[in-house]
Amino acid sequence: MVSATGATRAAGAAVRPTGQERTFGADELIVSKTDTRGVITYANDVFCRVGAYELHEVVGQPHNLIRHPEMPRAVFKLLWDTVSAGRELFAYVNNLAADGANYWVLAHVTPSFGPGGKIVGYHSNRRRPARAGVEAIQPLYRELLAEESRHGTGRAAAEAGSALLAGRLAERGVDYDEFVWSLIPDVEA
């Protein structure tokens, strides 16, 4: 496949991070919607452009298509636990584009409700985070990744990272929402 960026990828091929970071405009929002299993049902043009994907390459794919390997599993476990319980979550997330570049976002993920209040999917708006917020979250994410790496992959790693995250938040005397909001400068730039 050839994307809008000219990058060629084989269907299902793993994307390797290049270490090149990209950003997007402060006035732009990356938007996507998924079903309850996390399969993308909608992505806006900013999602596609920043992620170096064509729309047909993402719709119908699992949202973890853009998961960067340097993102702790614990953060995604927290995200899924929160939104599947019907609550919103804000999180700093490092995403992986189809061409191997990475891009940081401040994600706001919410459940979408259907008739009778049943969750029918999820909606995510991502904006460009302030550099100070990204720099503040990175040491914690590195610590979580190191802990998770001692427990292999999957559930054990996510549980170990989650336990460490809970401990670090307890040390600060805050919950996750309070912690994330403490990293967001009064004026995001």
C-alpha atoms as a PDB file:
ATOM      1  CA  MET A   1       0.000   0.000   0.000  1.00  0.00           C
ATOM      2  CA  VAL A   2       1.156   3.545  -0.613  1.00  0.00           C
ATOM      3  CA  SER A   3      -0.059   6.218   1.806  1.00  0.00           C
ATOM      4  CA  ALA A   4      -0.523   9.934   1.253  1.00  0.00           C
ATOM      5  CA  THR A   5       3.009  10.454   2.572  1.00  0.00           C
ATOM      6  CA  GLY A   6       4.419   8.134  -0.058  1.00  0.00           C
ATOM      7  CA  ALA A   7       5.385   5.508   2.529  1.00  0.00           C
ATOM      8  CA  THR A   8       4.839   1.959   1.374  1.00  0.00           C
ATOM      9  CA  ARG A   9       3.583  -0.715   3.793  1.00  0.00           C
ATOM     10  CA  ALA A  10       2.514  -4.277   3.465  1.00  0.00           C
ATOM     11  CA  ALA A  11      -0.865  -5.126   4.939  1.00  0.00           C
ATOM     12  CA  GLY A  12      -0.409  -6.159   8.560  1.00  0.00           C
ATOM     13  CA  ALA A  13       3.296  -5.250   8.612  1.00  0.00           C
ATOM     14  CA  ALA A  14       4.621  -3.974  11.934  1.00  0.00           C
ATOM     15  CA  VAL A  15       5.647  -0.336  11.958  1.00  0.00           C
ATOM     16  CA  ARG A  16       9.048   0.365  13.476  1.00  0.00           C
ATOM     17  CA  PRO A  17       9.573   3.654  15.310  1.00  0.00           C
ATOM     18  CA  THR A  18      12.041   5.946  13.553  1.00  0.00           C
ATOM     19  CA  GLY A  19      12.612   8.310  16.463  1.00  0.00           C
ATOM     20  CA  GLN A  20      11.350  11.192  14.347  1.00  0.00           C
ATOM     21  CA  GLU A  21       8.724  13.186  16.215  1.00  0.00           C
ATOM     22  CA  ARG A  22       6.006  15.113  14.447  1.00  0.00           C
ATOM     23  CA  THR A  23       3.451  17.534  15.713  1.00  0.00           C
ATOM     24  CA  PHE A  24       0.304  19.224  14.512  1.00  0.00           C
ATOM     25  CA  GLY A  25      -1.324  22.614  14.867  1.00  0.00           C
ATOM     26  CA  ALA A  26      -2.487  23.935  18.215  1.00  0.00           C
ATOM     27  CA  ASP A  27      -5.834  24.687  16.564  1.00  0.00           C
ATOM     28  CA  GLU A  28      -6.247  21.142  15.195  1.00  0.00           C
ATOM     29  CA  LEU A  29      -8.013  18.191  16.804  1.00  0.00           C
ATOM     30  CA  ILE A  30      -7.372  14.562  16.027  1.00  0.00           C
ATOM     31  CA  VAL A  31     -10.722  12.782  16.222  1.00  0.00           C
ATOM     32  CA  SER A  32     -11.624   9.131  16.075  1.00  0.00           C
ATOM     33  CA  LYS A  33     -14.521   6.916  17.055  1.00  0.00           C
ATOM     34  CA  THR A  34     -14.519   3.201  17.780  1.00  0.00           C
ATOM     35  CA  ASP A  35     -16.996   0.482  18.508  1.00  0.00           C
ATOM     36  CA  THR A  36     -17.010  -1.176  21.931  1.00  0.00           C
ATOM     37  CA  ARG A  37     -14.142  -3.474  20.919  1.00  0.00           C
ATOM     38  CA  GLY A  38     -11.887  -0.558  19.964  1.00  0.00           C
ATOM     39  CA  VAL A  39     -12.274  -0.970  16.184  1.00  0.00           C
ATOM     40  CA  ILE A  40     -12.092   2.363  14.365  1.00  0.00           C
ATOM     41  CA  THR A  41     -15.398   3.445  12.831  1.00  0.00           C
ATOM     42  CA  TYR A  42     -14.417   7.068  12.082  1.00  0.00           C
ATOM     43  CA  ALA A  43     -11.217   9.078  11.780  1.00  0.00           C
ATOM     44  CA  ASN A  44     -10.945  12.703  10.740  1.00  0.00           C
ATOM     45  CA  ASP A  45      -8.516  14.126   8.214  1.00  0.00           C
ATOM     46  CA  VAL A  46      -6.104  15.288  10.934  1.00  0.00           C
ATOM     47  CA  PHE A  47      -5.933  11.722  12.326  1.00  0.00           C
ATOM     48  CA  CYS A  48      -5.046  10.453   8.866  1.00  0.00           C
ATOM     49  CA  ARG A  49      -2.563  13.209   8.015  1.00  0.00           C
ATOM     50  CA  VAL A  50      -0.662  13.144  11.303  1.00  0.00           C
ATOM     51  CA  GLY A  51      -0.755   9.342  11.447  1.00  0.00           C
ATOM     52  CA  ALA A  52       0.348   9.027   7.786  1.00  0.00           C
ATOM     53  CA  TYR A  53      -2.646   6.856   6.928  1.00  0.00           C
ATOM     54  CA  GLU A  54      -5.348   6.919   4.310  1.00  0.00           C
ATOM     55  CA  LEU A  55      -8.875   6.680   5.716  1.00  0.00           C
ATOM     56  CA  HIS A  56      -9.461   3.239   4.184  1.00  0.00           C
ATOM     57  CA  GLU A  57      -6.350   1.974   5.995  1.00  0.00           C
ATOM     58  CA  VAL A  58      -7.720   2.773   9.462  1.00  0.00           C
ATOM     59  CA  VAL A  59     -11.491   2.286   9.374  1.00  0.00           C
ATOM     60  CA  GLY A  60     -12.186  -1.277  10.455  1.00  0.00           C
ATOM     61  CA  GLN A  61      -8.800  -1.623  12.168  1.00  0.00           C
ATOM     62  CA  PRO A  62      -8.179  -1.822  15.929  1.00  0.00           C
ATOM     63  CA  HIS A  63      -7.332   1.574  17.422  1.00  0.00           C
ATOM     64  CA  ASN A  64      -4.123   0.103  18.838  1.00  0.00           C
ATOM     65  CA  LEU A  65      -2.885   0.331  15.250  1.00  0.00           C
ATOM     66  CA  ILE A  66      -1.293   3.611  16.401  1.00  0.00           C
ATOM     67  CA  ARG A  67       0.036   2.313  19.736  1.00  0.00           C
ATOM     68  CA  HIS A  68       3.654   3.275  20.230  1.00  0.00           C
ATOM     69  CA  PRO A  69       5.763   0.537  21.874  1.00  0.00           C
ATOM     70  CA  GLU A  70       7.025   3.109  24.401  1.00  0.00           C
ATOM     71  CA  MET A  71       3.520   3.602  25.831  1.00  0.00           C
ATOM     72  CA  PRO A  72       2.926   1.762  29.094  1.00  0.00           C
ATOM     73  CA  ARG A  73       0.231  -0.907  29.030  1.00  0.00           C
ATOM     74  CA  ALA A  74      -0.922   0.401  32.409  1.00  0.00           C
ATOM     75  CA  VAL A  75      -2.113   3.658  30.832  1.00  0.00           C
ATOM     76  CA  PHE A  76      -4.227   1.775  28.298  1.00  0.00           C
ATOM     77  CA  LYS A  77      -5.582  -0.535  30.994  1.00  0.00           C
ATOM     78  CA  LEU A  78      -6.610   2.532  32.993  1.00  0.00           C
ATOM     79  CA  LEU A  79      -8.148   4.088  29.881  1.00  0.00           C
ATOM     80  CA  TRP A  80     -10.212   0.990  29.044  1.00  0.00           C
ATOM     81  CA  ASP A  81     -11.238   0.395  32.655  1.00  0.00           C
ATOM     82  CA  THR A  82     -12.395   4.016  32.919  1.00  0.00           C
ATOM     83  CA  VAL A  83     -14.304   4.419  29.662  1.00  0.00           C
ATOM     84  CA  SER A  84     -15.883   0.961  29.784  1.00  0.00           C
ATOM     85  CA  ALA A  85     -17.246   1.981  33.200  1.00  0.00           C
ATOM     86  CA  GLY A  86     -18.934   4.967  31.529  1.00  0.00           C
ATOM     87  CA  ARG A  87     -16.494   7.703  32.554  1.00  0.00           C
ATOM     88  CA  GLU A  88     -14.210  10.004  30.583  1.00  0.00           C
ATOM     89  CA  LEU A  89     -10.429  10.088  30.795  1.00  0.00           C
ATOM     90  CA  PHE A  90      -7.696  12.531  29.846  1.00  0.00           C
ATOM     91  CA  ALA A  91      -4.242  11.088  29.187  1.00  0.00           C
ATOM     92  CA  TYR A  92      -0.937  11.947  27.589  1.00  0.00           C
ATOM     93  CA  VAL A  93      -0.357   9.422  24.820  1.00  0.00           C
ATOM     94  CA  ASN A  94       2.565   8.842  22.482  1.00  0.00           C
ATOM     95  CA  ASN A  95       1.217   7.511  19.169  1.00  0.00           C
ATOM     96  CA  LEU A  96       2.996   5.782  16.290  1.00  0.00           C
ATOM     97  CA  ALA A  97       2.367   6.893  12.706  1.00  0.00           C
ATOM     98  CA  ALA A  98       2.374   4.528   9.736  1.00  0.00           C
ATOM     99  CA  ASP A  99       5.751   5.877   8.620  1.00  0.00           C
ATOM    100  CA  GLY A 100       7.359   5.254  12.036  1.00  0.00           C
ATOM    101  CA  ALA A 101       7.208   8.833  13.317  1.00  0.00           C
ATOM    102  CA  ASN A 102       5.724   9.411  16.737  1.00  0.00           C
ATOM    103  CA  TYR A 103       3.383  12.152  17.898  1.00  0.00           C
ATOM    104  CA  TRP A 104       2.290  13.092  21.408  1.00  0.00           C
ATOM    105  CA  VAL A 105      -1.301  13.969  22.163  1.00  0.00           C
ATOM    106  CA  LEU A 106      -3.400  14.991  25.120  1.00  0.00           C
ATOM    107  CA  ALA A 107      -6.294  12.582  24.632  1.00  0.00           C
ATOM    108  CA  HIS A 108      -9.837  13.032  25.908  1.00  0.00           C
ATOM    109  CA  VAL A 109     -11.642   9.706  25.573  1.00  0.00           C
ATOM    110  CA  THR A 110     -15.339   9.341  26.325  1.00  0.00           C
ATOM    111  CA  PRO A 111     -17.896   6.580  26.018  1.00  0.00           C
ATOM    112  CA  SER A 112     -20.689   7.068  23.483  1.00  0.00           C
ATOM    113  CA  PHE A 113     -24.100   6.074  24.774  1.00  0.00           C
ATOM    114  CA  GLY A 114     -27.005   4.674  22.799  1.00  0.00           C
ATOM    115  CA  PRO A 115     -30.652   4.145  23.687  1.00  0.00           C
ATOM    116  CA  GLY A 116     -31.199   3.174  27.288  1.00  0.00           C
ATOM    117  CA  GLY A 117     -27.772   4.468  28.309  1.00  0.00           C
ATOM    118  CA  LYS A 118     -25.856   1.496  26.923  1.00  0.00           C
ATOM    119  CA  ILE A 119     -22.277   2.150  25.768  1.00  0.00           C
ATOM    120  CA  VAL A 120     -22.167   1.737  21.986  1.00  0.00           C
ATOM    121  CA  GLY A 121     -18.619   2.928  21.333  1.00  0.00           C
ATOM    122  CA  TYR A 122     -15.964   5.447  22.252  1.00  0.00           C
ATOM    123  CA  HIS A 123     -15.013   8.907  21.039  1.00  0.00           C
ATOM    124  CA  SER A 124     -11.579  10.467  21.313  1.00  0.00           C
ATOM    125  CA  ASN A 125     -10.455  14.034  20.724  1.00  0.00           C
ATOM    126  CA  ARG A 126      -6.732  14.645  20.878  1.00  0.00           C
ATOM    127  CA  ARG A 127      -5.031  17.991  20.968  1.00  0.00           C
ATOM    128  CA  ARG A 128      -1.399  18.955  20.839  1.00  0.00           C
ATOM    129  CA  PRO A 129       0.003  18.898  24.371  1.00  0.00           C
ATOM    130  CA  ALA A 130       2.355  21.475  25.800  1.00  0.00           C
ATOM    131  CA  ARG A 131       5.936  20.272  25.660  1.00  0.00           C
ATOM    132  CA  ALA A 132       6.232  20.774  29.435  1.00  0.00           C
ATOM    133  CA  GLY A 133       3.437  18.250  30.014  1.00  0.00           C
ATOM    134  CA  VAL A 134       5.085  15.669  27.759  1.00  0.00           C
ATOM    135  CA  GLU A 135       8.436  16.152  29.485  1.00  0.00           C
ATOM    136  CA  ALA A 136       6.775  15.816  32.894  1.00  0.00           C
ATOM    137  CA  ILE A 137       5.017  12.525  32.036  1.00  0.00           C
ATOM    138  CA  GLN A 138       7.955  10.815  30.302  1.00  0.00           C
ATOM    139  CA  PRO A 139       9.909   9.796  33.456  1.00  0.00           C
ATOM    140  CA  LEU A 140       6.812   8.094  34.885  1.00  0.00           C
ATOM    141  CA  TYR A 141       6.121   6.335  31.579  1.00  0.00           C
ATOM    142  CA  ARG A 142       9.733   5.099  31.421  1.00  0.00           C
ATOM    143  CA  GLU A 143       9.410   3.765  34.973  1.00  0.00           C
ATOM    144  CA  LEU A 144       6.131   2.002  34.125  1.00  0.00           C
ATOM    145  CA  LEU A 145       7.647   0.483  30.975  1.00  0.00           C
ATOM    146  CA  ALA A 146      10.647  -0.808  32.909  1.00  0.00           C
ATOM    147  CA  GLU A 147       8.348  -2.469  35.450  1.00  0.00           C
ATOM    148  CA  GLU A 148       6.148  -3.932  32.728  1.00  0.00           C
ATOM    149  CA  SER A 149       9.175  -5.346  30.901  1.00  0.00           C
ATOM    150  CA  ARG A 150       9.983  -7.450  33.981  1.00  0.00           C
ATOM    151  CA  HIS A 151       6.631  -9.200  33.625  1.00  0.00           C
ATOM    152  CA  GLY A 152       6.633 -10.156  29.945  1.00  0.00           C
ATOM    153  CA  THR A 153       3.728  -9.084  27.837  1.00  0.00           C
ATOM    154  CA  GLY A 154      -0.003  -8.984  28.241  1.00  0.00           C
ATOM    155  CA  ARG A 155      -2.042  -9.066  31.398  1.00  0.00           C
ATOM    156  CA  ALA A 156       0.823  -9.579  33.888  1.00  0.00           C
ATOM    157  CA  ALA A 157       2.717  -6.580  32.502  1.00  0.00           C
ATOM    158  CA  ALA A 158      -0.388  -4.382  32.539  1.00  0.00           C
ATOM    159  CA  GLU A 159      -1.205  -5.419  36.118  1.00  0.00           C
ATOM    160  CA  ALA A 160       2.365  -4.767  37.302  1.00  0.00           C
ATOM    161  CA  GLY A 161       2.426  -1.357  35.623  1.00  0.00           C
ATOM    162  CA  SER A 162      -0.987  -0.529  37.039  1.00  0.00           C
ATOM    163  CA  ALA A 163       0.139  -1.403  40.559  1.00  0.00           C
ATOM    164  CA  LEU A 164       3.200   0.811  40.179  1.00  0.00           C
ATOM    165  CA  LEU A 165       1.095   3.649  38.750  1.00  0.00           C
ATOM    166  CA  ALA A 166      -1.341   3.387  41.667  1.00  0.00           C
ATOM    167  CA  GLY A 167       1.586   3.516  44.073  1.00  0.00           C
ATOM    168  CA  ARG A 168       3.128   6.578  42.441  1.00  0.00           C
ATOM    169  CA  LEU A 169      -0.224   8.378  42.488  1.00  0.00           C
ATOM    170  CA  ALA A 170      -0.761   7.462  46.152  1.00  0.00           C
ATOM    171  CA  GLU A 171       2.695   8.882  46.975  1.00  0.00           C
ATOM    172  CA  ARG A 172       1.573  12.169  45.425  1.00  0.00           C
ATOM    173  CA  GLY A 173      -1.802  12.002  47.142  1.00  0.00           C
ATOM    174  CA  VAL A 174      -3.713  12.349  43.862  1.00  0.00           C
ATOM    175  CA  ASP A 175      -5.816  10.253  41.548  1.00  0.00           C
ATOM    176  CA  TYR A 176      -4.942   9.911  37.864  1.00  0.00           C
ATOM    177  CA  ASP A 177      -7.181  12.785  36.736  1.00  0.00           C
ATOM    178  CA  GLU A 178      -5.642  15.159  39.268  1.00  0.00           C
ATOM    179  CA  PHE A 179      -2.166  14.073  38.201  1.00  0.00           C
ATOM    180  CA  VAL A 180      -2.823  14.652  34.485  1.00  0.00           C
ATOM    181  CA  TRP A 181      -4.437  18.018  35.141  1.00  0.00           C
ATOM    182  CA  SER A 182      -1.442  19.049  37.243  1.00  0.00           C
ATOM    183  CA  LEU A 183       0.756  18.582  34.162  1.00  0.00           C
ATOM    184  CA  ILE A 184      -1.372  20.735  31.882  1.00  0.00           C
ATOM    185  CA  PRO A 185      -0.090  24.303  31.866  1.00  0.00           C
ATOM    186  CA  ASP A 186      -2.651  27.077  32.280  1.00  0.00           C
ATOM    187  CA  VAL A 187      -2.048  27.885  28.621  1.00  0.00           C
ATOM    188  CA  GLU A 188      -1.383  24.911  26.344  1.00  0.00           C
ATOM    189  CA  ALA A 189       0.877  25.985  23.500  1.00  0.00           C
END
